[in-house]
PDB file of all heavy atoms in Angstrom:
ATOM      1  N   SER A   1       0.344  -0.259  20.907  1.00  0.00           N
ATOM      2  CA  SER A   1       1.023  -0.381  19.623  1.00  0.00           C
ATOM      3  C   SER A   1       0.148  -1.174  18.677  1.00  0.00           C
ATOM      4  O   SER A   1      -0.376  -2.227  19.054  1.00  0.00           O
ATOM      5  CB  SER A   1       2.376  -1.078  19.807  1.00  0.00           C
ATOM      6  OG  SER A   1       3.031  -1.199  18.569  1.00  0.00           O
ATOM      7  N   VAL A   2      -0.012  -0.681  17.480  1.00  0.00           N
ATOM      8  CA  VAL A   2      -0.729  -1.410  16.446  1.00  0.00           C
ATOM      9  C   VAL A   2       0.245  -1.721  15.324  1.00  0.00           C
ATOM     10  O   VAL A   2       1.209  -0.982  15.109  1.00  0.00           O
ATOM     11  CB  VAL A   2      -1.942  -0.634  15.919  1.00  0.00           C
ATOM     12  CG1 VAL A   2      -3.021  -0.536  16.990  1.00  0.00           C
ATOM     13  CG2 VAL A   2      -1.550   0.746  15.431  1.00  0.00           C
ATOM     14  N   SER A   3       0.007  -2.819  14.648  1.00  0.00           N
ATOM     15  CA  SER A   3       0.880  -3.209  13.558  1.00  0.00           C
ATOM     16  C   SER A   3       0.054  -3.567  12.333  1.00  0.00           C
ATOM     17  O   SER A   3      -1.145  -3.821  12.422  1.00  0.00           O
ATOM     18  CB  SER A   3       1.768  -4.387  13.972  1.00  0.00           C
ATOM     19  OG  SER A   3       0.987  -5.502  14.304  1.00  0.00           O
ATOM     20  N   CYS A   4       0.721  -3.593  11.211  1.00  0.00           N
ATOM     21  CA  CYS A   4       0.068  -3.883   9.940  1.00  0.00           C
ATOM     22  C   CYS A   4       1.022  -4.723   9.112  1.00  0.00           C
ATOM     23  O   CYS A   4       2.131  -4.289   8.804  1.00  0.00           O
ATOM     24  CB  CYS A   4      -0.256  -2.579   9.227  1.00  0.00           C
ATOM     25  SG  CYS A   4      -0.851  -2.752   7.540  1.00  0.00           S
ATOM     26  N   THR A   5       0.578  -5.907   8.745  1.00  0.00           N
ATOM     27  CA  THR A   5       1.408  -6.826   7.978  1.00  0.00           C
ATOM     28  C   THR A   5       0.867  -6.959   6.571  1.00  0.00           C
ATOM     29  O   THR A   5      -0.337  -7.152   6.376  1.00  0.00           O
ATOM     30  CB  THR A   5       1.471  -8.192   8.655  1.00  0.00           C
ATOM     31  OG1 THR A   5       2.026  -8.042   9.967  1.00  0.00           O
ATOM     32  CG2 THR A   5       2.348  -9.152   7.866  1.00  0.00           C
ATOM     33  N   ALA A   6       1.766  -6.866   5.626  1.00  0.00           N
ATOM     34  CA  ALA A   6       1.392  -6.939   4.220  1.00  0.00           C
ATOM     35  C   ALA A   6       1.683  -8.315   3.652  1.00  0.00           C
ATOM     36  O   ALA A   6       2.639  -8.978   4.043  1.00  0.00           O
ATOM     37  CB  ALA A   6       2.148  -5.875   3.441  1.00  0.00           C
ATOM     38  N   SER A   7       0.871  -8.716   2.721  1.00  0.00           N
ATOM     39  CA  SER A   7       1.089  -9.970   2.004  1.00  0.00           C
ATOM     40  C   SER A   7       0.692  -9.750   0.548  1.00  0.00           C
ATOM     41  O   SER A   7      -0.008  -8.801   0.211  1.00  0.00           O
ATOM     42  CB  SER A   7       0.279 -11.106   2.614  1.00  0.00           C
ATOM     43  OG  SER A   7      -1.102 -10.849   2.520  1.00  0.00           O
ATOM     44  N   GLY A   8       1.165 -10.630  -0.291  1.00  0.00           N
ATOM     45  CA  GLY A   8       0.862 -10.489  -1.707  1.00  0.00           C
ATOM     46  C   GLY A   8       2.074  -9.961  -2.451  1.00  0.00           C
ATOM     47  O   GLY A   8       3.142 -10.546  -2.388  1.00  0.00           O
ATOM     48  N   ARG A   9       1.916  -8.852  -3.123  1.00  0.00           N
ATOM     49  CA  ARG A   9       2.968  -8.310  -3.972  1.00  0.00           C
ATOM     50  C   ARG A   9       3.979  -7.509  -3.147  1.00  0.00           C
ATOM     51  O   ARG A   9       4.250  -6.337  -3.401  1.00  0.00           O
ATOM     52  CB  ARG A   9       2.377  -7.468  -5.082  1.00  0.00           C
ATOM     53  CG  ARG A   9       1.341  -8.208  -5.906  1.00  0.00           C
ATOM     54  CD  ARG A   9       0.795  -7.384  -7.038  1.00  0.00           C
ATOM     55  NE  ARG A   9       1.793  -7.142  -8.078  1.00  0.00           N
ATOM     56  CZ  ARG A   9       1.563  -6.447  -9.176  1.00  0.00           C
ATOM     57  NH1 ARG A   9       0.366  -5.916  -9.364  1.00  0.00           N
ATOM     58  NH2 ARG A   9       2.511  -6.259 -10.060  1.00  0.00           N
ATOM     59  N   THR A  10       4.548  -8.152  -2.153  1.00  0.00           N
ATOM     60  CA  THR A  10       5.434  -7.457  -1.228  1.00  0.00           C
ATOM     61  C   THR A  10       6.829  -7.234  -1.784  1.00  0.00           C
ATOM     62  O   THR A  10       7.661  -6.621  -1.140  1.00  0.00           O
ATOM     63  CB  THR A  10       5.518  -8.218   0.092  1.00  0.00           C
ATOM     64  OG1 THR A  10       5.914  -9.564  -0.164  1.00  0.00           O
ATOM     65  CG2 THR A  10       4.181  -8.212   0.806  1.00  0.00           C
ATOM     66  N   PHE A  11       7.074  -7.731  -3.007  1.00  0.00           N
ATOM     67  CA  PHE A  11       8.377  -7.483  -3.595  1.00  0.00           C
ATOM     68  C   PHE A  11       8.475  -6.062  -4.121  1.00  0.00           C
ATOM     69  O   PHE A  11       9.552  -5.582  -4.447  1.00  0.00           O
ATOM     70  CB  PHE A  11       8.645  -8.475  -4.721  1.00  0.00           C
ATOM     71  CG  PHE A  11       7.585  -8.475  -5.789  1.00  0.00           C
ATOM     72  CD1 PHE A  11       7.660  -7.604  -6.867  1.00  0.00           C
ATOM     73  CD2 PHE A  11       6.509  -9.333  -5.708  1.00  0.00           C
ATOM     74  CE1 PHE A  11       6.686  -7.604  -7.848  1.00  0.00           C
ATOM     75  CE2 PHE A  11       5.528  -9.332  -6.681  1.00  0.00           C
ATOM     76  CZ  PHE A  11       5.609  -8.470  -7.758  1.00  0.00           C
ATOM     77  N   MET A  12       7.323  -5.390  -4.192  1.00  0.00           N
ATOM     78  CA  MET A  12       7.324  -4.009  -4.651  1.00  0.00           C
ATOM     79  C   MET A  12       7.640  -3.093  -3.471  1.00  0.00           C
ATOM     80  O   MET A  12       7.539  -3.474  -2.317  1.00  0.00           O
ATOM     81  CB  MET A  12       5.956  -3.668  -5.239  1.00  0.00           C
ATOM     82  CG  MET A  12       5.577  -4.464  -6.467  1.00  0.00           C
ATOM     83  SD  MET A  12       3.970  -4.003  -7.120  1.00  0.00           S
ATOM     84  CE  MET A  12       4.304  -2.323  -7.646  1.00  0.00           C
ATOM     85  N   LYS A  13       8.024  -1.861  -3.795  1.00  0.00           N
ATOM     86  CA  LYS A  13       8.223  -0.855  -2.762  1.00  0.00           C
ATOM     87  C   LYS A  13       6.875  -0.217  -2.434  1.00  0.00           C
ATOM     88  O   LYS A  13       6.121   0.142  -3.319  1.00  0.00           O
ATOM     89  CB  LYS A  13       9.183   0.228  -3.247  1.00  0.00           C
ATOM     90  CG  LYS A  13      10.603  -0.250  -3.493  1.00  0.00           C
ATOM     91  CD  LYS A  13      11.475   0.916  -3.932  1.00  0.00           C
ATOM     92  CE  LYS A  13      12.909   0.464  -4.170  1.00  0.00           C
ATOM     93  NZ  LYS A  13      13.756   1.595  -4.618  1.00  0.00           N
ATOM     94  N   TYR A  14       6.608  -0.071  -1.130  1.00  0.00           N
ATOM     95  CA  TYR A  14       5.359   0.543  -0.698  1.00  0.00           C
ATOM     96  C   TYR A  14       5.642   1.617   0.352  1.00  0.00           C
ATOM     97  O   TYR A  14       6.296   1.336   1.365  1.00  0.00           O
ATOM     98  CB  TYR A  14       4.422  -0.496  -0.086  1.00  0.00           C
ATOM     99  CG  TYR A  14       3.811  -1.437  -1.097  1.00  0.00           C
ATOM    100  CD1 TYR A  14       4.399  -2.664  -1.351  1.00  0.00           C
ATOM    101  CD2 TYR A  14       2.666  -1.087  -1.799  1.00  0.00           C
ATOM    102  CE1 TYR A  14       3.847  -3.527  -2.288  1.00  0.00           C
ATOM    103  CE2 TYR A  14       2.101  -1.946  -2.731  1.00  0.00           C
ATOM    104  CZ  TYR A  14       2.698  -3.160  -2.971  1.00  0.00           C
ATOM    105  OH  TYR A  14       2.160  -4.013  -3.894  1.00  0.00           O
ATOM    106  N   ALA A  15       5.136   2.798   0.106  1.00  0.00           N
ATOM    107  CA  ALA A  15       5.043   3.792   1.172  1.00  0.00           C
ATOM    108  C   ALA A  15       3.814   3.431   1.991  1.00  0.00           C
ATOM    109  O   ALA A  15       2.827   2.922   1.450  1.00  0.00           O
ATOM    110  CB  ALA A  15       4.908   5.189   0.586  1.00  0.00           C
ATOM    111  N   MET A  16       3.879   3.657   3.296  1.00  0.00           N
ATOM    112  CA  MET A  16       2.805   3.225   4.180  1.00  0.00           C
ATOM    113  C   MET A  16       2.257   4.392   4.981  1.00  0.00           C
ATOM    114  O   MET A  16       2.977   5.362   5.277  1.00  0.00           O
ATOM    115  CB  MET A  16       3.308   2.160   5.146  1.00  0.00           C
ATOM    116  CG  MET A  16       3.884   0.930   4.474  1.00  0.00           C
ATOM    117  SD  MET A  16       2.676  -0.029   3.553  1.00  0.00           S
ATOM    118  CE  MET A  16       1.654  -0.643   4.907  1.00  0.00           C
ATOM    119  N   GLY A  17       1.014   4.261   5.361  1.00  0.00           N
ATOM    120  CA  GLY A  17       0.400   5.299   6.192  1.00  0.00           C
ATOM    121  C   GLY A  17      -0.587   4.708   7.167  1.00  0.00           C
ATOM    122  O   GLY A  17      -1.071   3.585   6.984  1.00  0.00           O
ATOM    123  N   TRP A  18      -0.850   5.462   8.214  1.00  0.00           N
ATOM    124  CA  TRP A  18      -1.904   5.129   9.167  1.00  0.00           C
ATOM    125  C   TRP A  18      -2.949   6.244   9.131  1.00  0.00           C
ATOM    126  O   TRP A  18      -2.598   7.433   9.134  1.00  0.00           O
ATOM    127  CB  TRP A  18      -1.353   5.004  10.586  1.00  0.00           C
ATOM    128  CG  TRP A  18      -0.605   3.746  10.855  1.00  0.00           C
ATOM    129  CD1 TRP A  18       0.750   3.570  10.831  1.00  0.00           C
ATOM    130  CD2 TRP A  18      -1.170   2.472  11.181  1.00  0.00           C
ATOM    131  NE1 TRP A  18       1.065   2.263  11.127  1.00  0.00           N
ATOM    132  CE2 TRP A  18      -0.090   1.570  11.356  1.00  0.00           C
ATOM    133  CE3 TRP A  18      -2.462   1.990  11.358  1.00  0.00           C
ATOM    134  CZ2 TRP A  18      -0.279   0.232  11.696  1.00  0.00           C
ATOM    135  CZ3 TRP A  18      -2.648   0.667  11.694  1.00  0.00           C
ATOM    136  CH2 TRP A  18      -1.568  -0.196  11.863  1.00  0.00           C
ATOM    137  N   PHE A  19      -4.188   5.826   9.098  1.00  0.00           N
ATOM    138  CA  PHE A  19      -5.314   6.741   9.160  1.00  0.00           C
ATOM    139  C   PHE A  19      -6.239   6.272  10.267  1.00  0.00           C
ATOM    140  O   PHE A  19      -6.117   5.149  10.747  1.00  0.00           O
ATOM    141  CB  PHE A  19      -6.064   6.753   7.821  1.00  0.00           C
ATOM    142  CG  PHE A  19      -5.276   7.355   6.688  1.00  0.00           C
ATOM    143  CD1 PHE A  19      -4.244   6.649   6.070  1.00  0.00           C
ATOM    144  CD2 PHE A  19      -5.545   8.629   6.225  1.00  0.00           C
ATOM    145  CE1 PHE A  19      -3.499   7.199   5.033  1.00  0.00           C
ATOM    146  CE2 PHE A  19      -4.820   9.193   5.185  1.00  0.00           C
ATOM    147  CZ  PHE A  19      -3.802   8.472   4.593  1.00  0.00           C
ATOM    148  N   ARG A  20      -7.169   7.130  10.667  1.00  0.00           N
ATOM    149  CA  ARG A  20      -8.132   6.724  11.680  1.00  0.00           C
ATOM    150  C   ARG A  20      -9.479   7.371  11.393  1.00  0.00           C
ATOM    151  O   ARG A  20      -9.569   8.410  10.746  1.00  0.00           O
ATOM    152  CB  ARG A  20      -7.636   7.092  13.074  1.00  0.00           C
ATOM    153  CG  ARG A  20      -7.542   8.597  13.339  1.00  0.00           C
ATOM    154  CD  ARG A  20      -6.876   8.852  14.687  1.00  0.00           C
ATOM    155  NE  ARG A  20      -6.798  10.275  14.999  1.00  0.00           N
ATOM    156  CZ  ARG A  20      -6.151  10.784  16.039  1.00  0.00           C
ATOM    157  NH1 ARG A  20      -5.509   9.970  16.892  1.00  0.00           N
ATOM    158  NH2 ARG A  20      -6.133  12.084  16.244  1.00  0.00           N
ATOM    159  N   GLN A  21     -10.499   6.712  11.902  1.00  0.00           N
ATOM    160  CA  GLN A  21     -11.848   7.240  11.746  1.00  0.00           C
ATOM    161  C   GLN A  21     -12.623   7.016  13.028  1.00  0.00           C
ATOM    162  O   GLN A  21     -12.804   5.875  13.460  1.00  0.00           O
ATOM    163  CB  GLN A  21     -12.567   6.585  10.561  1.00  0.00           C
ATOM    164  CG  GLN A  21     -13.907   7.214  10.251  1.00  0.00           C
ATOM    165  CD  GLN A  21     -14.465   6.754   8.921  1.00  0.00           C
ATOM    166  OE1 GLN A  21     -14.071   5.728   8.369  1.00  0.00           O
ATOM    167  NE2 GLN A  21     -15.385   7.536   8.368  1.00  0.00           N
ATOM    168  N   ALA A  22     -13.054   8.105  13.618  1.00  0.00           N
ATOM    169  CA  ALA A  22     -13.864   8.062  14.821  1.00  0.00           C
ATOM    170  C   ALA A  22     -15.342   8.058  14.427  1.00  0.00           C
ATOM    171  O   ALA A  22     -15.696   8.505  13.328  1.00  0.00           O
ATOM    172  CB  ALA A  22     -13.558   9.263  15.708  1.00  0.00           C
ATOM    173  N   PRO A  23     -16.208   7.562  15.291  1.00  0.00           N
ATOM    174  CA  PRO A  23     -17.636   7.532  14.967  1.00  0.00           C
ATOM    175  C   PRO A  23     -18.167   8.912  14.610  1.00  0.00           C
ATOM    176  O   PRO A  23     -17.922   9.892  15.312  1.00  0.00           O
ATOM    177  CB  PRO A  23     -18.269   7.019  16.266  1.00  0.00           C
ATOM    178  CG  PRO A  23     -17.199   6.221  16.915  1.00  0.00           C
ATOM    179  CD  PRO A  23     -15.924   6.941  16.586  1.00  0.00           C
ATOM    180  N   GLY A  24     -18.871   8.977  13.487  1.00  0.00           N
ATOM    181  CA  GLY A  24     -19.470  10.235  13.063  1.00  0.00           C
ATOM    182  C   GLY A  24     -18.511  11.227  12.460  1.00  0.00           C
ATOM    183  O   GLY A  24     -18.902  12.361  12.149  1.00  0.00           O
ATOM    184  N   LYS A  25     -17.258  10.814  12.285  1.00  0.00           N
ATOM    185  CA  LYS A  25     -16.254  11.728  11.727  1.00  0.00           C
ATOM    186  C   LYS A  25     -15.646  11.142  10.460  1.00  0.00           C
ATOM    187  O   LYS A  25     -15.723   9.947  10.206  1.00  0.00           O
ATOM    188  CB  LYS A  25     -15.160  12.009  12.754  1.00  0.00           C
ATOM    189  CG  LYS A  25     -15.646  12.749  13.992  1.00  0.00           C
ATOM    190  CD  LYS A  25     -14.490  13.133  14.880  1.00  0.00           C
ATOM    191  CE  LYS A  25     -14.964  13.944  16.073  1.00  0.00           C
ATOM    192  NZ  LYS A  25     -13.823  14.365  16.941  1.00  0.00           N
ATOM    193  N   GLU A  26     -15.030  12.018   9.687  1.00  0.00           N
ATOM    194  CA  GLU A  26     -14.355  11.558   8.483  1.00  0.00           C
ATOM    195  C   GLU A  26     -13.020  10.907   8.837  1.00  0.00           C
ATOM    196  O   GLU A  26     -12.412  11.204   9.871  1.00  0.00           O
ATOM    197  CB  GLU A  26     -14.130  12.732   7.527  1.00  0.00           C
ATOM    198  CG  GLU A  26     -15.414  13.335   6.967  1.00  0.00           C
ATOM    199  CD  GLU A  26     -15.136  14.380   5.908  1.00  0.00           C
ATOM    200  OE1 GLU A  26     -13.959  14.740   5.723  1.00  0.00           O
ATOM    201  OE2 GLU A  26     -16.099  14.836   5.279  1.00  0.00           O
ATOM    202  N   ARG A  27     -12.578  10.041   7.953  1.00  0.00           N
ATOM    203  CA  ARG A  27     -11.268   9.434   8.133  1.00  0.00           C
ATOM    204  C   ARG A  27     -10.192  10.514   8.038  1.00  0.00           C
ATOM    205  O   ARG A  27     -10.269  11.395   7.183  1.00  0.00           O
ATOM    206  CB  ARG A  27     -11.049   8.363   7.071  1.00  0.00           C
ATOM    207  CG  ARG A  27      -9.755   7.599   7.199  1.00  0.00           C
ATOM    208  CD  ARG A  27      -9.747   6.391   6.284  1.00  0.00           C
ATOM    209  NE  ARG A  27      -9.988   6.770   4.907  1.00  0.00           N
ATOM    210  CZ  ARG A  27     -10.228   5.894   3.929  1.00  0.00           C
ATOM    211  NH1 ARG A  27     -10.275   4.594   4.197  1.00  0.00           N
ATOM    212  NH2 ARG A  27     -10.431   6.314   2.698  1.00  0.00           N
ATOM    213  N   GLU A  28      -9.213  10.429   8.919  1.00  0.00           N
ATOM    214  CA  GLU A  28      -8.154  11.432   8.921  1.00  0.00           C
ATOM    215  C   GLU A  28      -6.781  10.784   8.937  1.00  0.00           C
ATOM    216  O   GLU A  28      -6.601   9.676   9.452  1.00  0.00           O
ATOM    217  CB  GLU A  28      -8.291  12.372  10.130  1.00  0.00           C
ATOM    218  CG  GLU A  28      -8.148  11.700  11.473  1.00  0.00           C
ATOM    219  CD  GLU A  28      -8.348  12.668  12.634  1.00  0.00           C
ATOM    220  OE1 GLU A  28      -8.927  13.757  12.422  1.00  0.00           O
ATOM    221  OE2 GLU A  28      -7.921  12.327  13.752  1.00  0.00           O
ATOM    222  N   PHE A  29      -5.835  11.494   8.399  1.00  0.00           N
ATOM    223  CA  PHE A  29      -4.447  11.050   8.361  1.00  0.00           C
ATOM    224  C   PHE A  29      -3.853  11.074   9.763  1.00  0.00           C
ATOM    225  O   PHE A  29      -4.137  11.973  10.555  1.00  0.00           O
ATOM    226  CB  PHE A  29      -3.662  11.977   7.440  1.00  0.00           C
ATOM    227  CG  PHE A  29      -2.167  11.838   7.550  1.00  0.00           C
ATOM    228  CD1 PHE A  29      -1.507  10.777   6.961  1.00  0.00           C
ATOM    229  CD2 PHE A  29      -1.434  12.759   8.284  1.00  0.00           C
ATOM    230  CE1 PHE A  29      -0.146  10.640   7.080  1.00  0.00           C
ATOM    231  CE2 PHE A  29      -0.061  12.635   8.404  1.00  0.00           C
ATOM    232  CZ  PHE A  29       0.585  11.574   7.798  1.00  0.00           C
ATOM    233  N   VAL A  30      -3.007  10.072  10.060  1.00  0.00           N
ATOM    234  CA  VAL A  30      -2.323  10.031  11.349  1.00  0.00           C
ATOM    235  C   VAL A  30      -0.803  10.117  11.164  1.00  0.00           C
ATOM    236  O   VAL A  30      -0.153  10.980  11.740  1.00  0.00           O
ATOM    237  CB  VAL A  30      -2.669   8.746  12.121  1.00  0.00           C
ATOM    238  CG1 VAL A  30      -1.886   8.680  13.440  1.00  0.00           C
ATOM    239  CG2 VAL A  30      -4.171   8.678  12.398  1.00  0.00           C
ATOM    240  N   ALA A  31      -0.254   9.212  10.355  1.00  0.00           N
ATOM    241  CA  ALA A  31       1.199   9.164  10.194  1.00  0.00           C
ATOM    242  C   ALA A  31       1.533   8.471   8.888  1.00  0.00           C
ATOM    243  O   ALA A  31       0.754   7.654   8.395  1.00  0.00           O
ATOM    244  CB  ALA A  31       1.850   8.433  11.366  1.00  0.00           C
ATOM    245  N   ALA A  32       2.702   8.791   8.361  1.00  0.00           N
ATOM    246  CA  ALA A  32       3.152   8.174   7.112  1.00  0.00           C
ATOM    247  C   ALA A  32       4.640   7.913   7.181  1.00  0.00           C
ATOM    248  O   ALA A  32       5.379   8.591   7.909  1.00  0.00           O
ATOM    249  CB  ALA A  32       2.829   9.079   5.930  1.00  0.00           C
ATOM    250  N   ILE A  33       5.077   6.933   6.403  1.00  0.00           N
ATOM    251  CA  ILE A  33       6.490   6.582   6.373  1.00  0.00           C
ATOM    252  C   ILE A  33       6.870   6.173   4.963  1.00  0.00           C
ATOM    253  O   ILE A  33       6.105   5.521   4.253  1.00  0.00           O
ATOM    254  CB  ILE A  33       6.793   5.459   7.394  1.00  0.00           C
ATOM    255  CG1 ILE A  33       8.298   5.221   7.537  1.00  0.00           C
ATOM    256  CG2 ILE A  33       6.052   4.166   7.035  1.00  0.00           C
ATOM    257  CD1 ILE A  33       8.649   4.348   8.741  1.00  0.00           C
TER     258      ILE A  33
END
């Protein structure tokens, strides 16, 4: 399990996503919420 914590302007609404990048490959979409 990986997590991501936000700080700063967190009073705003944010849609979030996870992306990944393997060596030698372009960054790709994984999941969004």
